[in-house]
Amino acid sequence: MEEHVAEGAKAETGWVCFKLHGPFPFNQTGVLAGFINPLAEYRIPIFAISTFDTDYVLVKEEFLGMAMQALAAAGHELQ
């Protein structure tokens, strides 16, 4: 999608997006924390966006391999 950034626009490129499929019940706590805590343990910086029914976690491309390893080790199934 980076090719759609307008020329001259201030943008930081090189992000990969993980989508946490929801919706999650409002009384279910720790969904996002359970996903990003393994990344924090590996010292992988993230950018998280939450919507009404889905969470997105962005990771810089340079950390993708480490992120996949950290998430798999924590038991997350990645598609």
C-alpha atoms as a PDB file:
ATOM      1  CA  MET A   1       0.000   0.000   0.000  1.00  0.00           C
ATOM      2  CA  GLU A   2       2.988   2.277   0.321  1.00  0.00           C
ATOM      3  CA  GLU A   3       2.764   2.990  -3.390  1.00  0.00           C
ATOM      4  CA  HIS A   4      -0.457   4.917  -2.661  1.00  0.00           C
ATOM      5  CA  VAL A   5       1.246   7.493  -0.431  1.00  0.00           C
ATOM      6  CA  ALA A   6       1.088  10.868  -2.140  1.00  0.00           C
ATOM      7  CA  GLU A   7       4.380  12.210  -3.361  1.00  0.00           C
ATOM      8  CA  GLY A   8       5.775  14.674  -0.851  1.00  0.00           C
ATOM      9  CA  ALA A   9       3.554  13.408   1.959  1.00  0.00           C
ATOM     10  CA  LYS A  10       5.235  12.825   5.302  1.00  0.00           C
ATOM     11  CA  ALA A  11       4.990   9.072   5.871  1.00  0.00           C
ATOM     12  CA  GLU A  12       6.907   6.339   7.634  1.00  0.00           C
ATOM     13  CA  THR A  13       6.969   3.226   5.500  1.00  0.00           C
ATOM     14  CA  GLY A  14       8.075  -0.338   6.073  1.00  0.00           C
ATOM     15  CA  TRP A  15       5.335  -1.630   8.394  1.00  0.00           C
ATOM     16  CA  VAL A  16       3.768  -5.104   8.485  1.00  0.00           C
ATOM     17  CA  CYS A  17       0.269  -5.482   9.930  1.00  0.00           C
ATOM     18  CA  PHE A  18      -1.053  -8.282  12.129  1.00  0.00           C
ATOM     19  CA  LYS A  19      -4.848  -8.433  12.388  1.00  0.00           C
ATOM     20  CA  LEU A  20      -6.417  -9.877  15.527  1.00  0.00           C
ATOM     21  CA  HIS A  21      -9.747 -11.187  14.329  1.00  0.00           C
ATOM     22  CA  GLY A  22     -12.648 -10.098  16.507  1.00  0.00           C
ATOM     23  CA  PRO A  23     -15.055  -9.098  17.601  1.00  0.00           C
ATOM     24  CA  PHE A  24     -13.995  -9.578  21.193  1.00  0.00           C
ATOM     25  CA  PRO A  25     -16.557  -9.248  23.988  1.00  0.00           C
ATOM     26  CA  PHE A  26     -16.121  -6.044  25.972  1.00  0.00           C
ATOM     27  CA  ASN A  27     -15.795  -8.049  29.186  1.00  0.00           C
ATOM     28  CA  GLN A  28     -12.899 -10.095  27.754  1.00  0.00           C
ATOM     29  CA  THR A  29      -9.769  -8.385  29.019  1.00  0.00           C
ATOM     30  CA  GLY A  30      -6.158  -8.781  27.993  1.00  0.00           C
ATOM     31  CA  VAL A  31      -6.630  -9.734  24.337  1.00  0.00           C
ATOM     32  CA  LEU A  32      -4.282  -7.095  22.984  1.00  0.00           C
ATOM     33  CA  ALA A  33      -1.894  -7.448  25.931  1.00  0.00           C
ATOM     34  CA  GLY A  34      -1.675 -11.193  25.349  1.00  0.00           C
ATOM     35  CA  PHE A  35      -0.565 -10.522  21.783  1.00  0.00           C
ATOM     36  CA  ILE A  36       1.892  -7.687  22.368  1.00  0.00           C
ATOM     37  CA  ASN A  37       3.512  -8.921  25.603  1.00  0.00           C
ATOM     38  CA  PRO A  38       5.610 -11.551  23.768  1.00  0.00           C
ATOM     39  CA  LEU A  39       6.738  -8.807  21.389  1.00  0.00           C
ATOM     40  CA  ALA A  40       7.702  -6.588  24.312  1.00  0.00           C
ATOM     41  CA  GLU A  41       9.723  -9.440  25.824  1.00  0.00           C
ATOM     42  CA  TYR A  42      11.727  -9.557  22.582  1.00  0.00           C
ATOM     43  CA  ARG A  43      12.002  -5.726  22.685  1.00  0.00           C
ATOM     44  CA  ILE A  44      10.112  -5.406  19.393  1.00  0.00           C
ATOM     45  CA  PRO A  45       8.542  -1.970  18.958  1.00  0.00           C
ATOM     46  CA  ILE A  46       4.911  -1.954  17.844  1.00  0.00           C
ATOM     47  CA  PHE A  47       2.125   0.400  16.857  1.00  0.00           C
ATOM     48  CA  ALA A  48      -1.341  -0.786  17.885  1.00  0.00           C
ATOM     49  CA  ILE A  49      -4.717   0.322  16.545  1.00  0.00           C
ATOM     50  CA  SER A  50      -7.995  -0.845  18.039  1.00  0.00           C
ATOM     51  CA  THR A  51     -11.403  -0.573  16.450  1.00  0.00           C
ATOM     52  CA  PHE A  52     -14.837  -1.670  17.610  1.00  0.00           C
ATOM     53  CA  ASP A  53     -14.368  -5.256  16.465  1.00  0.00           C
ATOM     54  CA  THR A  54     -10.720  -5.745  15.448  1.00  0.00           C
ATOM     55  CA  ASP A  55      -7.244  -4.919  16.708  1.00  0.00           C
ATOM     56  CA  TYR A  56      -4.263  -4.294  14.458  1.00  0.00           C
ATOM     57  CA  VAL A  57      -0.619  -4.492  15.508  1.00  0.00           C
ATOM     58  CA  LEU A  58       1.992  -3.003  13.208  1.00  0.00           C
ATOM     59  CA  VAL A  59       5.643  -4.051  13.316  1.00  0.00           C
ATOM     60  CA  LYS A  60       8.492  -2.662  11.272  1.00  0.00           C
ATOM     61  CA  GLU A  61       9.614  -5.045   8.514  1.00  0.00           C
ATOM     62  CA  GLU A  62      13.075  -5.353  10.059  1.00  0.00           C
ATOM     63  CA  PHE A  63      11.510  -6.974  13.146  1.00  0.00           C
ATOM     64  CA  LEU A  64       9.123  -9.308  11.300  1.00  0.00           C
ATOM     65  CA  GLY A  65      11.198 -12.470  11.711  1.00  0.00           C
ATOM     66  CA  MET A  66      11.694 -11.881  15.416  1.00  0.00           C
ATOM     67  CA  ALA A  67       7.999 -11.021  15.829  1.00  0.00           C
ATOM     68  CA  MET A  68       6.891 -14.236  14.133  1.00  0.00           C
ATOM     69  CA  GLN A  69       9.255 -16.232  16.337  1.00  0.00           C
ATOM     70  CA  ALA A  70       8.082 -14.498  19.530  1.00  0.00           C
ATOM     71  CA  LEU A  71       4.398 -14.958  18.699  1.00  0.00           C
ATOM     72  CA  ALA A  72       4.808 -18.608  17.699  1.00  0.00           C
ATOM     73  CA  ALA A  73       6.762 -19.324  20.898  1.00  0.00           C
ATOM     74  CA  ALA A  74       3.890 -17.765  22.870  1.00  0.00           C
ATOM     75  CA  GLY A  75       1.398 -20.103  21.191  1.00  0.00           C
ATOM     76  CA  HIS A  76      -0.210 -17.707  18.741  1.00  0.00           C
ATOM     77  CA  GLU A  77      -1.391 -19.222  15.464  1.00  0.00           C
ATOM     78  CA  LEU A  78      -0.423 -17.008  12.548  1.00  0.00           C
ATOM     79  CA  GLN A  79      -2.105 -17.229   9.168  1.00  0.00           C
END
